[in-house]
Amino acid sequence: MLARYAQAVLARDVDAFVALYVDDLLVFDMWGSWSLRGIDAWRDMAKSWFGSLGDERVVVRFDDVGGTVAGDLAFGHAILTYAAHDADGTVLRSLANRVTLGLRRIDGDWKIAHEHSSAPIDHATKQAILRR
């Protein structure tokens, strides 16, 4: 699932990206919106995100991956690091966040039903900590 996520982001492929999710998903995204409900809202977010990249590509790396499967339900967690690369492959910037995923198996394929991203907040500055 995470490899397909990373491939869709790298390709800036909105259709491949939203195909990873159920139609009635709920996302607690740490970027801009308190929550996003439904595939149409998530598609709009992906179009905006990918459209804002210009010539940049985003490479997603995942670390500390874990999870549990119980029948047709699963949950997992990981640290995702997003690195923006220019057309020559030079890393321009990067950030990391924590993600927890709730998945459902539908017709043999795992789909994300709930996604929750977060980052710790520095108590003194009230700023998100986006590097491990």
C-alpha atoms as a PDB file:
ATOM      1  CA  MET A   1       0.000   0.000   0.000  1.00  0.00           C
ATOM      2  CA  LEU A   2       2.729   2.483   0.935  1.00  0.00           C
ATOM      3  CA  ALA A   3       4.752   1.646  -2.187  1.00  0.00           C
ATOM      4  CA  ARG A   4       1.696   2.344  -4.363  1.00  0.00           C
ATOM      5  CA  TYR A   5       1.158   5.593  -2.443  1.00  0.00           C
ATOM      6  CA  ALA A   6       4.759   6.659  -3.080  1.00  0.00           C
ATOM      7  CA  GLN A   7       4.508   5.748  -6.783  1.00  0.00           C
ATOM      8  CA  ALA A   8       1.292   7.751  -7.237  1.00  0.00           C
ATOM      9  CA  VAL A   9       2.796  10.802  -5.509  1.00  0.00           C
ATOM     10  CA  LEU A  10       6.012  10.613  -7.544  1.00  0.00           C
ATOM     11  CA  ALA A  11       4.003  10.401 -10.771  1.00  0.00           C
ATOM     12  CA  ARG A  12       1.583  13.114  -9.577  1.00  0.00           C
ATOM     13  CA  ASP A  13      -1.136  10.712 -10.707  1.00  0.00           C
ATOM     14  CA  VAL A  14      -4.380  11.888  -9.098  1.00  0.00           C
ATOM     15  CA  ASP A  15      -6.361   8.866 -10.307  1.00  0.00           C
ATOM     16  CA  ALA A  16      -3.820   6.349  -8.987  1.00  0.00           C
ATOM     17  CA  PHE A  17      -3.612   8.283  -5.710  1.00  0.00           C
ATOM     18  CA  VAL A  18      -7.349   8.400  -5.006  1.00  0.00           C
ATOM     19  CA  ALA A  19      -7.731   4.756  -6.125  1.00  0.00           C
ATOM     20  CA  LEU A  20      -5.947   3.845  -2.872  1.00  0.00           C
ATOM     21  CA  TYR A  21      -8.922   5.125  -0.852  1.00  0.00           C
ATOM     22  CA  VAL A  22     -12.557   4.129  -0.257  1.00  0.00           C
ATOM     23  CA  ASP A  23     -15.252   6.490  -1.506  1.00  0.00           C
ATOM     24  CA  ASP A  24     -16.479   7.346   2.006  1.00  0.00           C
ATOM     25  CA  LEU A  25     -13.079   7.961   3.568  1.00  0.00           C
ATOM     26  CA  LEU A  26     -12.362  10.347   6.413  1.00  0.00           C
ATOM     27  CA  VAL A  27      -8.975  12.062   6.541  1.00  0.00           C
ATOM     28  CA  PHE A  28      -7.614  14.025   9.477  1.00  0.00           C
ATOM     29  CA  ASP A  29      -4.961  15.862   7.498  1.00  0.00           C
ATOM     30  CA  MET A  30      -2.479  18.127   9.229  1.00  0.00           C
ATOM     31  CA  TRP A  31      -2.243  20.441   6.211  1.00  0.00           C
ATOM     32  CA  GLY A  32      -4.820  23.189   5.890  1.00  0.00           C
ATOM     33  CA  SER A  33      -8.093  21.427   6.640  1.00  0.00           C
ATOM     34  CA  TRP A  34      -9.292  20.042   9.933  1.00  0.00           C
ATOM     35  CA  SER A  35     -10.702  17.041   8.085  1.00  0.00           C
ATOM     36  CA  LEU A  36     -11.683  15.896   4.621  1.00  0.00           C
ATOM     37  CA  ARG A  37     -14.636  13.590   4.082  1.00  0.00           C
ATOM     38  CA  GLY A  38     -15.277  11.610   0.927  1.00  0.00           C
ATOM     39  CA  ILE A  39     -13.316  10.820  -2.198  1.00  0.00           C
ATOM     40  CA  ASP A  40     -14.310  14.043  -3.980  1.00  0.00           C
ATOM     41  CA  ALA A  41     -12.759  16.219  -1.245  1.00  0.00           C
ATOM     42  CA  TRP A  42      -9.632  14.033  -1.276  1.00  0.00           C
ATOM     43  CA  ARG A  43      -9.415  14.206  -5.076  1.00  0.00           C
ATOM     44  CA  ASP A  44      -9.636  18.018  -4.899  1.00  0.00           C
ATOM     45  CA  MET A  45      -6.826  18.068  -2.323  1.00  0.00           C
ATOM     46  CA  ALA A  46      -4.642  15.821  -4.517  1.00  0.00           C
ATOM     47  CA  LYS A  47      -5.280  17.933  -7.628  1.00  0.00           C
ATOM     48  CA  SER A  48      -4.330  21.068  -5.704  1.00  0.00           C
ATOM     49  CA  TRP A  49      -1.214  19.472  -4.172  1.00  0.00           C
ATOM     50  CA  PHE A  50       0.086  17.893  -7.368  1.00  0.00           C
ATOM     51  CA  GLY A  51      -0.820  20.971  -9.409  1.00  0.00           C
ATOM     52  CA  SER A  52       1.192  23.201  -7.069  1.00  0.00           C
ATOM     53  CA  LEU A  53       4.417  21.270  -7.677  1.00  0.00           C
ATOM     54  CA  GLY A  54       5.345  22.705 -11.065  1.00  0.00           C
ATOM     55  CA  ASP A  55       8.377  20.749 -12.312  1.00  0.00           C
ATOM     56  CA  GLU A  56       9.111  19.323  -8.868  1.00  0.00           C
ATOM     57  CA  ARG A  57       8.678  15.673  -7.996  1.00  0.00           C
ATOM     58  CA  VAL A  58       7.979  14.415  -4.489  1.00  0.00           C
ATOM     59  CA  VAL A  59       9.746  11.285  -3.302  1.00  0.00           C
ATOM     60  CA  VAL A  60       8.025   9.613  -0.356  1.00  0.00           C
ATOM     61  CA  ARG A  61      10.071   7.451   1.999  1.00  0.00           C
ATOM     62  CA  PHE A  62       8.460   5.441   4.778  1.00  0.00           C
ATOM     63  CA  ASP A  63      10.069   4.279   8.003  1.00  0.00           C
ATOM     64  CA  ASP A  64       8.966   2.571  11.222  1.00  0.00           C
ATOM     65  CA  VAL A  65       6.138   0.802   9.393  1.00  0.00           C
ATOM     66  CA  GLY A  66       3.884  -1.434  11.446  1.00  0.00           C
ATOM     67  CA  GLY A  67       0.343  -2.676  11.582  1.00  0.00           C
ATOM     68  CA  THR A  68      -2.167  -5.397  12.305  1.00  0.00           C
ATOM     69  CA  VAL A  69      -4.585  -7.286  10.073  1.00  0.00           C
ATOM     70  CA  ALA A  70      -7.836  -8.777  11.339  1.00  0.00           C
ATOM     71  CA  GLY A  71      -9.930 -10.283   8.576  1.00  0.00           C
ATOM     72  CA  ASP A  72     -10.942  -7.565   6.135  1.00  0.00           C
ATOM     73  CA  LEU A  73      -9.796  -4.744   8.408  1.00  0.00           C
ATOM     74  CA  ALA A  74      -6.284  -3.511   9.131  1.00  0.00           C
ATOM     75  CA  PHE A  75      -4.575  -0.572  10.729  1.00  0.00           C
ATOM     76  CA  GLY A  76      -1.064   0.597  10.258  1.00  0.00           C
ATOM     77  CA  HIS A  77       1.349   3.367  11.076  1.00  0.00           C
ATOM     78  CA  ALA A  78       4.517   4.822   9.623  1.00  0.00           C
ATOM     79  CA  ILE A  79       6.703   7.873   9.451  1.00  0.00           C
ATOM     80  CA  LEU A  80       6.449   9.390   5.966  1.00  0.00           C
ATOM     81  CA  THR A  81       9.184  11.682   4.704  1.00  0.00           C
ATOM     82  CA  TYR A  82       8.324  13.814   1.689  1.00  0.00           C
ATOM     83  CA  ALA A  83      11.291  15.213  -0.263  1.00  0.00           C
ATOM     84  CA  ALA A  84      10.763  17.682  -3.105  1.00  0.00           C
ATOM     85  CA  HIS A  85      13.231  17.201  -5.963  1.00  0.00           C
ATOM     86  CA  ASP A  86      13.813  19.584  -8.848  1.00  0.00           C
ATOM     87  CA  ALA A  87      13.959  18.422 -12.470  1.00  0.00           C
ATOM     88  CA  ASP A  88      17.669  17.539 -12.026  1.00  0.00           C
ATOM     89  CA  GLY A  89      16.976  15.405  -8.940  1.00  0.00           C
ATOM     90  CA  THR A  90      18.347  17.880  -6.401  1.00  0.00           C
ATOM     91  CA  VAL A  91      16.525  17.765  -3.066  1.00  0.00           C
ATOM     92  CA  LEU A  92      14.961  21.182  -2.480  1.00  0.00           C
ATOM     93  CA  ARG A  93      13.303  20.544   0.890  1.00  0.00           C
ATOM     94  CA  SER A  94      11.826  17.754   2.949  1.00  0.00           C
ATOM     95  CA  LEU A  95       9.551  17.149   5.884  1.00  0.00           C
ATOM     96  CA  ALA A  96       8.306  14.184   7.861  1.00  0.00           C
ATOM     97  CA  ASN A  97       5.008  13.409   9.488  1.00  0.00           C
ATOM     98  CA  ARG A  98       3.393  10.526  11.290  1.00  0.00           C
ATOM     99  CA  VAL A  99       0.536   8.655   9.677  1.00  0.00           C
ATOM    100  CA  THR A 100      -1.976   6.154  10.961  1.00  0.00           C
ATOM    101  CA  LEU A 101      -4.132   4.317   8.444  1.00  0.00           C
ATOM    102  CA  GLY A 102      -7.322   2.317   8.801  1.00  0.00           C
ATOM    103  CA  LEU A 103      -7.844  -0.020   5.833  1.00  0.00           C
ATOM    104  CA  ARG A 104     -10.653  -2.196   4.501  1.00  0.00           C
ATOM    105  CA  ARG A 105     -10.241  -5.085   2.098  1.00  0.00           C
ATOM    106  CA  ILE A 106     -12.746  -4.652  -0.738  1.00  0.00           C
ATOM    107  CA  ASP A 107     -12.925  -7.304  -3.461  1.00  0.00           C
ATOM    108  CA  GLY A 108      -9.457  -8.529  -2.472  1.00  0.00           C
ATOM    109  CA  ASP A 109      -7.832  -5.070  -2.597  1.00  0.00           C
ATOM    110  CA  TRP A 110      -6.807  -3.018   0.422  1.00  0.00           C
ATOM    111  CA  LYS A 111      -8.182   0.542   0.471  1.00  0.00           C
ATOM    112  CA  ILE A 112      -7.585   3.319   2.984  1.00  0.00           C
ATOM    113  CA  ALA A 113     -10.787   4.182   4.870  1.00  0.00           C
ATOM    114  CA  HIS A 114      -9.243   6.528   7.413  1.00  0.00           C
ATOM    115  CA  GLU A 115      -5.978   8.451   7.402  1.00  0.00           C
ATOM    116  CA  HIS A 116      -4.655  10.559  10.234  1.00  0.00           C
ATOM    117  CA  SER A 117      -1.447  12.547   9.861  1.00  0.00           C
ATOM    118  CA  SER A 118       0.271  14.434  12.630  1.00  0.00           C
ATOM    119  CA  ALA A 119       3.481  15.949  13.888  1.00  0.00           C
ATOM    120  CA  PRO A 120       4.529  16.742  17.429  1.00  0.00           C
ATOM    121  CA  ILE A 121       4.224  20.374  18.511  1.00  0.00           C
ATOM    122  CA  ASP A 122       7.081  22.153  20.264  1.00  0.00           C
ATOM    123  CA  HIS A 123       5.599  23.493  23.519  1.00  0.00           C
ATOM    124  CA  ALA A 124       7.764  26.616  23.587  1.00  0.00           C
ATOM    125  CA  THR A 125       7.230  27.764  19.993  1.00  0.00           C
ATOM    126  CA  LYS A 126       3.876  26.112  19.214  1.00  0.00           C
ATOM    127  CA  GLN A 127       5.434  25.037  15.874  1.00  0.00           C
ATOM    128  CA  ALA A 128       5.098  21.620  14.309  1.00  0.00           C
ATOM    129  CA  ILE A 129       8.265  19.537  14.407  1.00  0.00           C
ATOM    130  CA  LEU A 130       8.674  18.270  10.849  1.00  0.00           C
ATOM    131  CA  ARG A 131      12.062  16.580  11.187  1.00  0.00           C
ATOM    132  CA  ARG A 132      12.841  13.483  13.209  1.00  0.00           C
END
